[in-house]
Amino acid sequence: MRDIIALGLRAEPDTAEKLVACALRHPTDVVAGIEIVERIRDWPRGSWRDKALCALSRHPSCLVSKAAERSLQASTPQAVTHA
């Protein structure tokens, strides 16, 4: 978990790939998977951040995949409607 937190503080494209690989390599470690989603979610918006969250939205654990989906939806700009 310390490694996940330390890597999560880096917010770099290469780090995103490593964190996603870690989450997918250990699909039954839901706590680590959710921590990875939360770390990536807090990074500045960018294509590599969204790509990582998209990959995590296909995680075998529904808890991890739903957390990634919510993070993606929360970061998507909402359409503005005019009355």
PDB file of N, CA and C in Angstrom:
ATOM      1  N   MET A   1       0.826  -1.186   0.000  1.00  0.00           N
ATOM      2  CA  MET A   1       0.000   0.000   0.000  1.00  0.00           C
ATOM      3  C   MET A   1       0.876   1.257   0.000  1.00  0.00           C
ATOM      4  N   ARG A   2       1.996   1.212   0.703  1.00  0.00           N
ATOM      5  CA  ARG A   2       2.904   2.374   0.699  1.00  0.00           C
ATOM      6  C   ARG A   2       3.410   2.670  -0.699  1.00  0.00           C
ATOM      7  N   ASP A   3       3.694   1.632  -1.466  1.00  0.00           N
ATOM      8  CA  ASP A   3       4.160   1.834  -2.842  1.00  0.00           C
ATOM      9  C   ASP A   3       3.077   2.488  -3.701  1.00  0.00           C
ATOM     10  N   ILE A   4       1.849   2.066  -3.510  1.00  0.00           N
ATOM     11  CA  ILE A   4       0.742   2.660  -4.263  1.00  0.00           C
ATOM     12  C   ILE A   4       0.617   4.140  -3.926  1.00  0.00           C
ATOM     13  N   ILE A   5       0.683   4.452  -2.659  1.00  0.00           N
ATOM     14  CA  ILE A   5       0.577   5.851  -2.238  1.00  0.00           C
ATOM     15  C   ILE A   5       1.746   6.662  -2.783  1.00  0.00           C
ATOM     16  N   ALA A   6       2.957   6.116  -2.679  1.00  0.00           N
ATOM     17  CA  ALA A   6       4.137   6.838  -3.167  1.00  0.00           C
ATOM     18  C   ALA A   6       4.065   7.058  -4.675  1.00  0.00           C
ATOM     19  N   LEU A   7       3.694   6.025  -5.419  1.00  0.00           N
ATOM     20  CA  LEU A   7       3.562   6.179  -6.869  1.00  0.00           C
ATOM     21  C   LEU A   7       2.416   7.125  -7.216  1.00  0.00           C
ATOM     22  N   GLY A   8       1.357   7.063  -6.431  1.00  0.00           N
ATOM     23  CA  GLY A   8       0.212   7.921  -6.670  1.00  0.00           C
ATOM     24  C   GLY A   8       0.519   9.392  -6.520  1.00  0.00           C
ATOM     25  N   LEU A   9       1.531   9.717  -5.754  1.00  0.00           N
ATOM     26  CA  LEU A   9       1.922  11.115  -5.577  1.00  0.00           C
ATOM     27  C   LEU A   9       2.686  11.660  -6.773  1.00  0.00           C
ATOM     28  N   ARG A  10       3.160  10.796  -7.643  1.00  0.00           N
ATOM     29  CA  ARG A  10       3.988  11.225  -8.779  1.00  0.00           C
ATOM     30  C   ARG A  10       3.189  11.818  -9.925  1.00  0.00           C
ATOM     31  N   ALA A  11       2.002  11.340 -10.171  1.00  0.00           N
ATOM     32  CA  ALA A  11       1.122  11.863 -11.230  1.00  0.00           C
ATOM     33  C   ALA A  11       1.818  11.993 -12.577  1.00  0.00           C
ATOM     34  N   GLU A  12       2.334  10.869 -13.060  1.00  0.00           N
ATOM     35  CA  GLU A  12       3.025  10.840 -14.352  1.00  0.00           C
ATOM     36  C   GLU A  12       2.430   9.730 -15.219  1.00  0.00           C
ATOM     37  N   PRO A  13       2.496   9.884 -16.540  1.00  0.00           N
ATOM     38  CA  PRO A  13       1.917   8.861 -17.430  1.00  0.00           C
ATOM     39  C   PRO A  13       2.472   7.459 -17.178  1.00  0.00           C
ATOM     40  N   ASP A  14       3.773   7.347 -16.994  1.00  0.00           N
ATOM     41  CA  ASP A  14       4.385   6.042 -16.755  1.00  0.00           C
ATOM     42  C   ASP A  14       3.882   5.444 -15.443  1.00  0.00           C
ATOM     43  N   THR A  15       3.696   6.283 -14.461  1.00  0.00           N
ATOM     44  CA  THR A  15       3.186   5.836 -13.166  1.00  0.00           C
ATOM     45  C   THR A  15       1.758   5.315 -13.304  1.00  0.00           C
ATOM     46  N   ALA A  16       0.947   5.992 -14.104  1.00  0.00           N
ATOM     47  CA  ALA A  16      -0.438   5.563 -14.304  1.00  0.00           C
ATOM     48  C   ALA A  16      -0.482   4.143 -14.856  1.00  0.00           C
ATOM     49  N   GLU A  17       0.357   3.867 -15.836  1.00  0.00           N
ATOM     50  CA  GLU A  17       0.398   2.529 -16.426  1.00  0.00           C
ATOM     51  C   GLU A  17       0.793   1.478 -15.399  1.00  0.00           C
ATOM     52  N   LYS A  18       1.762   1.807 -14.566  1.00  0.00           N
ATOM     53  CA  LYS A  18       2.213   0.849 -13.539  1.00  0.00           C
ATOM     54  C   LYS A  18       1.137   0.592 -12.495  1.00  0.00           C
ATOM     55  N   LEU A  19       0.427   1.643 -12.105  1.00  0.00           N
ATOM     56  CA  LEU A  19      -0.637   1.466 -11.116  1.00  0.00           C
ATOM     57  C   LEU A  19      -1.794   0.642 -11.682  1.00  0.00           C
ATOM     58  N   VAL A  20      -2.157   0.899 -12.929  1.00  0.00           N
ATOM     59  CA  VAL A  20      -3.224   0.120 -13.558  1.00  0.00           C
ATOM     60  C   VAL A  20      -2.796  -1.346 -13.669  1.00  0.00           C
ATOM     61  N   ALA A  21      -1.563  -1.584 -14.076  1.00  0.00           N
ATOM     62  CA  ALA A  21      -1.059  -2.961 -14.184  1.00  0.00           C
ATOM     63  C   ALA A  21      -1.097  -3.657 -12.828  1.00  0.00           C
ATOM     64  N   CYS A  22      -0.754  -2.937 -11.781  1.00  0.00           N
ATOM     65  CA  CYS A  22      -0.786  -3.500 -10.428  1.00  0.00           C
ATOM     66  C   CYS A  22      -2.207  -3.891 -10.046  1.00  0.00           C
ATOM     67  N   ALA A  23      -3.161  -3.004 -10.298  1.00  0.00           N
ATOM     68  CA  ALA A  23      -4.559  -3.293  -9.959  1.00  0.00           C
ATOM     69  C   ALA A  23      -5.082  -4.494 -10.728  1.00  0.00           C
ATOM     70  N   LEU A  24      -4.711  -4.597 -11.991  1.00  0.00           N
ATOM     71  CA  LEU A  24      -5.192  -5.715 -12.806  1.00  0.00           C
ATOM     72  C   LEU A  24      -4.465  -7.020 -12.493  1.00  0.00           C
ATOM     73  N   ARG A  25      -3.239  -6.923 -12.027  1.00  0.00           N
ATOM     74  CA  ARG A  25      -2.462  -8.110 -11.683  1.00  0.00           C
ATOM     75  C   ARG A  25      -2.970  -8.744 -10.382  1.00  0.00           C
ATOM     76  N   HIS A  26      -3.596  -7.922  -9.530  1.00  0.00           N
ATOM     77  CA  HIS A  26      -4.107  -8.403  -8.242  1.00  0.00           C
ATOM     78  C   HIS A  26      -5.605  -8.089  -8.140  1.00  0.00           C
ATOM     79  N   PRO A  27      -6.417  -8.751  -8.956  1.00  0.00           N
ATOM     80  CA  PRO A  27      -7.835  -8.390  -9.036  1.00  0.00           C
ATOM     81  C   PRO A  27      -8.631  -8.634  -7.755  1.00  0.00           C
ATOM     82  N   THR A  28      -8.151  -9.478  -6.859  1.00  0.00           N
ATOM     83  CA  THR A  28      -8.897  -9.735  -5.629  1.00  0.00           C
ATOM     84  C   THR A  28      -8.536  -8.755  -4.512  1.00  0.00           C
ATOM     85  N   ASP A  29      -7.519  -7.944  -4.711  1.00  0.00           N
ATOM     86  CA  ASP A  29      -7.146  -6.940  -3.707  1.00  0.00           C
ATOM     87  C   ASP A  29      -7.940  -5.667  -3.989  1.00  0.00           C
ATOM     88  N   VAL A  30      -9.169  -5.665  -3.535  1.00  0.00           N
ATOM     89  CA  VAL A  30     -10.091  -4.571  -3.809  1.00  0.00           C
ATOM     90  C   VAL A  30      -9.649  -3.288  -3.122  1.00  0.00           C
ATOM     91  N   VAL A  31      -9.119  -3.393  -1.919  1.00  0.00           N
ATOM     92  CA  VAL A  31      -8.668  -2.204  -1.185  1.00  0.00           C
ATOM     93  C   VAL A  31      -7.574  -1.483  -1.969  1.00  0.00           C
ATOM     94  N   ALA A  32      -6.610  -2.239  -2.471  1.00  0.00           N
ATOM     95  CA  ALA A  32      -5.534  -1.633  -3.267  1.00  0.00           C
ATOM     96  C   ALA A  32      -6.096  -1.065  -4.570  1.00  0.00           C
ATOM     97  N   GLY A  33      -7.027  -1.762  -5.189  1.00  0.00           N
ATOM     98  CA  GLY A  33      -7.618  -1.284  -6.432  1.00  0.00           C
ATOM     99  C   GLY A  33      -8.341   0.042  -6.252  1.00  0.00           C
ATOM    100  N   ILE A  34      -9.100   0.155  -5.179  1.00  0.00           N
ATOM    101  CA  ILE A  34      -9.808   1.406  -4.907  1.00  0.00           C
ATOM    102  C   ILE A  34      -8.825   2.520  -4.565  1.00  0.00           C
ATOM    103  N   GLU A  35      -7.777   2.205  -3.830  1.00  0.00           N
ATOM    104  CA  GLU A  35      -6.751   3.205  -3.516  1.00  0.00           C
ATOM    105  C   GLU A  35      -6.099   3.718  -4.799  1.00  0.00           C
ATOM    106  N   ILE A  36      -5.850   2.826  -5.727  1.00  0.00           N
ATOM    107  CA  ILE A  36      -5.255   3.223  -7.014  1.00  0.00           C
ATOM    108  C   ILE A  36      -6.206   4.157  -7.758  1.00  0.00           C
ATOM    109  N   VAL A  37      -7.479   3.817  -7.787  1.00  0.00           N
ATOM    110  CA  VAL A  37      -8.459   4.691  -8.443  1.00  0.00           C
ATOM    111  C   VAL A  37      -8.455   6.070  -7.780  1.00  0.00           C
ATOM    112  N   GLU A  38      -8.461   6.101  -6.464  1.00  0.00           N
ATOM    113  CA  GLU A  38      -8.500   7.377  -5.750  1.00  0.00           C
ATOM    114  C   GLU A  38      -7.245   8.215  -6.008  1.00  0.00           C
ATOM    115  N   ARG A  39      -6.103   7.562  -6.076  1.00  0.00           N
ATOM    116  CA  ARG A  39      -4.856   8.294  -6.353  1.00  0.00           C
ATOM    117  C   ARG A  39      -4.888   8.885  -7.754  1.00  0.00           C
ATOM    118  N   ILE A  40      -5.283   8.088  -8.731  1.00  0.00           N
ATOM    119  CA  ILE A  40      -5.315   8.568 -10.114  1.00  0.00           C
ATOM    120  C   ILE A  40      -6.396   9.637 -10.281  1.00  0.00           C
ATOM    121  N   ARG A  41      -7.509   9.477  -9.610  1.00  0.00           N
ATOM    122  CA  ARG A  41      -8.606  10.448  -9.684  1.00  0.00           C
ATOM    123  C   ARG A  41      -8.149  11.853  -9.285  1.00  0.00           C
ATOM    124  N   ASP A  42      -7.238  11.939  -8.330  1.00  0.00           N
ATOM    125  CA  ASP A  42      -6.783  13.229  -7.820  1.00  0.00           C
ATOM    126  C   ASP A  42      -5.749  13.912  -8.696  1.00  0.00           C
ATOM    127  N   TRP A  43      -5.294  13.248  -9.752  1.00  0.00           N
ATOM    128  CA  TRP A  43      -4.298  13.847 -10.652  1.00  0.00           C
ATOM    129  C   TRP A  43      -4.956  14.892 -11.538  1.00  0.00           C
ATOM    130  N   PRO A  44      -4.150  15.801 -12.074  1.00  0.00           N
ATOM    131  CA  PRO A  44      -4.702  16.781 -13.019  1.00  0.00           C
ATOM    132  C   PRO A  44      -5.284  16.057 -14.241  1.00  0.00           C
ATOM    133  N   ARG A  45      -6.360  16.629 -14.769  1.00  0.00           N
ATOM    134  CA  ARG A  45      -6.987  16.021 -15.948  1.00  0.00           C
ATOM    135  C   ARG A  45      -6.003  15.941 -17.098  1.00  0.00           C
ATOM    136  N   GLY A  46      -6.086  14.870 -17.814  1.00  0.00           N
ATOM    137  CA  GLY A  46      -5.242  14.655 -18.978  1.00  0.00           C
ATOM    138  C   GLY A  46      -5.622  13.348 -19.632  1.00  0.00           C
ATOM    139  N   SER A  47      -5.192  13.159 -20.862  1.00  0.00           N
ATOM    140  CA  SER A  47      -5.597  11.952 -21.588  1.00  0.00           C
ATOM    141  C   SER A  47      -5.075  10.694 -20.904  1.00  0.00           C
ATOM    142  N   TRP A  48      -3.864  10.731 -20.354  1.00  0.00           N
ATOM    143  CA  TRP A  48      -3.315   9.532 -19.702  1.00  0.00           C
ATOM    144  C   TRP A  48      -4.043   9.240 -18.393  1.00  0.00           C
ATOM    145  N   ARG A  49      -4.504  10.259 -17.697  1.00  0.00           N
ATOM    146  CA  ARG A  49      -5.275  10.058 -16.469  1.00  0.00           C
ATOM    147  C   ARG A  49      -6.610   9.391 -16.818  1.00  0.00           C
ATOM    148  N   ASP A  50      -7.301   9.934 -17.827  1.00  0.00           N
ATOM    149  CA  ASP A  50      -8.580   9.372 -18.229  1.00  0.00           C
ATOM    150  C   ASP A  50      -8.424   7.972 -18.811  1.00  0.00           C
ATOM    151  N   LYS A  51      -7.333   7.745 -19.524  1.00  0.00           N
ATOM    152  CA  LYS A  51      -7.065   6.415 -20.080  1.00  0.00           C
ATOM    153  C   LYS A  51      -6.890   5.394 -18.954  1.00  0.00           C
ATOM    154  N   ALA A  52      -6.180   5.796 -17.889  1.00  0.00           N
ATOM    155  CA  ALA A  52      -5.975   4.893 -16.749  1.00  0.00           C
ATOM    156  C   ALA A  52      -7.297   4.593 -16.056  1.00  0.00           C
ATOM    157  N   LEU A  53      -8.116   5.623 -15.834  1.00  0.00           N
ATOM    158  CA  LEU A  53      -9.414   5.402 -15.196  1.00  0.00           C
ATOM    159  C   LEU A  53     -10.316   4.546 -16.077  1.00  0.00           C
ATOM    160  N   CYS A  54     -10.240   4.733 -17.379  1.00  0.00           N
ATOM    161  CA  CYS A  54     -11.030   3.926 -18.306  1.00  0.00           C
ATOM    162  C   CYS A  54     -10.613   2.454 -18.212  1.00  0.00           C
ATOM    163  N   ALA A  55      -9.310   2.204 -18.149  1.00  0.00           N
ATOM    164  CA  ALA A  55      -8.816   0.823 -18.008  1.00  0.00           C
ATOM    165  C   ALA A  55      -9.288   0.227 -16.685  1.00  0.00           C
ATOM    166  N   LEU A  56      -9.278   1.028 -15.626  1.00  0.00           N
ATOM    167  CA  LEU A  56      -9.720   0.542 -14.321  1.00  0.00           C
ATOM    168  C   LEU A  56     -11.234   0.335 -14.277  1.00  0.00           C
ATOM    169  N   SER A  57     -11.970   0.991 -15.153  1.00  0.00           N
ATOM    170  CA  SER A  57     -13.422   0.786 -15.186  1.00  0.00           C
ATOM    171  C   SER A  57     -13.769  -0.609 -15.716  1.00  0.00           C
ATOM    172  N   ARG A  58     -12.784  -1.308 -16.269  1.00  0.00           N
ATOM    173  CA  ARG A  58     -12.980  -2.689 -16.729  1.00  0.00           C
ATOM    174  C   ARG A  58     -12.345  -3.703 -15.758  1.00  0.00           C
ATOM    175  N   HIS A  59     -12.031  -3.243 -14.550  1.00  0.00           N
ATOM    176  CA  HIS A  59     -11.435  -4.114 -13.528  1.00  0.00           C
ATOM    177  C   HIS A  59     -12.417  -5.236 -13.178  1.00  0.00           C
ATOM    178  N   PRO A  60     -11.920  -6.443 -12.881  1.00  0.00           N
ATOM    179  CA  PRO A  60     -12.809  -7.560 -12.544  1.00  0.00           C
ATOM    180  C   PRO A  60     -13.684  -7.318 -11.311  1.00  0.00           C
ATOM    181  N   SER A  61     -13.203  -6.521 -10.364  1.00  0.00           N
ATOM    182  CA  SER A  61     -14.008  -6.224  -9.183  1.00  0.00           C
ATOM    183  C   SER A  61     -15.003  -5.117  -9.509  1.00  0.00           C
ATOM    184  N   CYS A  62     -16.275  -5.371  -9.245  1.00  0.00           N
ATOM    185  CA  CYS A  62     -17.281  -4.352  -9.550  1.00  0.00           C
ATOM    186  C   CYS A  62     -17.091  -3.116  -8.671  1.00  0.00           C
ATOM    187  N   LEU A  63     -16.538  -3.269  -7.473  1.00  0.00           N
ATOM    188  CA  LEU A  63     -16.303  -2.115  -6.612  1.00  0.00           C
ATOM    189  C   LEU A  63     -15.242  -1.186  -7.207  1.00  0.00           C
ATOM    190  N   VAL A  64     -14.180  -1.780  -7.727  1.00  0.00           N
ATOM    191  CA  VAL A  64     -13.109  -0.978  -8.336  1.00  0.00           C
ATOM    192  C   VAL A  64     -13.596  -0.370  -9.644  1.00  0.00           C
ATOM    193  N   SER A  65     -14.281  -1.157 -10.455  1.00  0.00           N
ATOM    194  CA  SER A  65     -14.737  -0.636 -11.744  1.00  0.00           C
ATOM    195  C   SER A  65     -15.754   0.488 -11.557  1.00  0.00           C
ATOM    196  N   LYS A  66     -16.646   0.355 -10.591  1.00  0.00           N
ATOM    197  CA  LYS A  66     -17.633   1.412 -10.336  1.00  0.00           C
ATOM    198  C   LYS A  66     -16.958   2.676  -9.810  1.00  0.00           C
ATOM    199  N   ALA A  67     -15.946   2.528  -8.953  1.00  0.00           N
ATOM    200  CA  ALA A  67     -15.215   3.694  -8.452  1.00  0.00           C
ATOM    201  C   ALA A  67     -14.527   4.431  -9.593  1.00  0.00           C
ATOM    202  N   ALA A  68     -13.957   3.680 -10.530  1.00  0.00           N
ATOM    203  CA  ALA A  68     -13.302   4.298 -11.692  1.00  0.00           C
ATOM    204  C   ALA A  68     -14.331   4.987 -12.585  1.00  0.00           C
ATOM    205  N   GLU A  69     -15.467   4.349 -12.792  1.00  0.00           N
ATOM    206  CA  GLU A  69     -16.519   4.953 -13.613  1.00  0.00           C
ATOM    207  C   GLU A  69     -17.020   6.254 -12.995  1.00  0.00           C
ATOM    208  N   ARG A  70     -17.236   6.244 -11.684  1.00  0.00           N
ATOM    209  CA  ARG A  70     -17.682   7.466 -10.999  1.00  0.00           C
ATOM    210  C   ARG A  70     -16.640   8.568 -11.113  1.00  0.00           C
ATOM    211  N   SER A  71     -15.371   8.202 -11.020  1.00  0.00           N
ATOM    212  CA  SER A  71     -14.303   9.199 -11.143  1.00  0.00           C
ATOM    213  C   SER A  71     -14.277   9.807 -12.540  1.00  0.00           C
ATOM    214  N   LEU A  72     -14.483   8.977 -13.539  1.00  0.00           N
ATOM    215  CA  LEU A  72     -14.538   9.489 -14.914  1.00  0.00           C
ATOM    216  C   LEU A  72     -15.741  10.403 -15.115  1.00  0.00           C
ATOM    217  N   GLN A  73     -16.880  10.001 -14.607  1.00  0.00           N
ATOM    218  CA  GLN A  73     -18.088  10.811 -14.766  1.00  0.00           C
ATOM    219  C   GLN A  73     -17.967  12.136 -14.030  1.00  0.00           C
ATOM    220  N   ALA A  74     -17.356  12.121 -12.865  1.00  0.00           N
ATOM    221  CA  ALA A  74     -17.206  13.346 -12.077  1.00  0.00           C
ATOM    222  C   ALA A  74     -16.264  14.330 -12.752  1.00  0.00           C
ATOM    223  N   SER A  75     -15.341  13.820 -13.554  1.00  0.00           N
ATOM    224  CA  SER A  75     -14.373  14.703 -14.195  1.00  0.00           C
ATOM    225  C   SER A  75     -14.799  15.133 -15.588  1.00  0.00           C
ATOM    226  N   THR A  76     -15.923  14.597 -16.080  1.00  0.00           N
ATOM    227  CA  THR A  76     -16.412  14.966 -17.405  1.00  0.00           C
ATOM    228  C   THR A  76     -17.244  16.239 -17.268  1.00  0.00           C
ATOM    229  N   PRO A  77     -16.896  17.262 -18.050  1.00  0.00           N
ATOM    230  CA  PRO A  77     -17.691  18.496 -17.981  1.00  0.00           C
ATOM    231  C   PRO A  77     -19.136  18.237 -18.358  1.00  0.00           C
ATOM    232  N   GLN A  78     -20.031  18.786 -17.585  1.00  0.00           N
ATOM    233  CA  GLN A  78     -21.456  18.614 -17.848  1.00  0.00           C
ATOM    234  C   GLN A  78     -21.902  19.606 -18.923  1.00  0.00           C
ATOM    235  N   ALA A  79     -22.842  19.172 -19.712  1.00  0.00           N
ATOM    236  CA  ALA A  79     -23.384  20.047 -20.762  1.00  0.00           C
ATOM    237  C   ALA A  79     -24.185  21.168 -20.106  1.00  0.00           C
ATOM    238  N   VAL A  80     -24.046  22.336 -20.638  1.00  0.00           N
ATOM    239  CA  VAL A  80     -24.764  23.490 -20.124  1.00  0.00           C
ATOM    240  C   VAL A  80     -26.036  23.630 -20.939  1.00  0.00           C
ATOM    241  N   THR A  81     -27.160  23.733 -20.248  1.00  0.00           N
ATOM    242  CA  THR A  81     -28.423  23.929 -20.951  1.00  0.00           C
ATOM    243  C   THR A  81     -28.904  25.342 -20.705  1.00  0.00           C
ATOM    244  N   HIS A  82     -29.435  25.953 -21.719  1.00  0.00           N
ATOM    245  CA  HIS A  82     -29.959  27.311 -21.611  1.00  0.00           C
ATOM    246  C   HIS A  82     -31.483  27.251 -21.719  1.00  0.00           C
ATOM    247  N   ALA A  83     -32.120  27.940 -20.828  1.00  0.00           N
ATOM    248  CA  ALA A  83     -33.592  27.945 -20.849  1.00  0.00           C
ATOM    249  C   ALA A  83     -34.108  29.061 -21.710  1.00  0.00           C
TER     250      ALA A  83
END
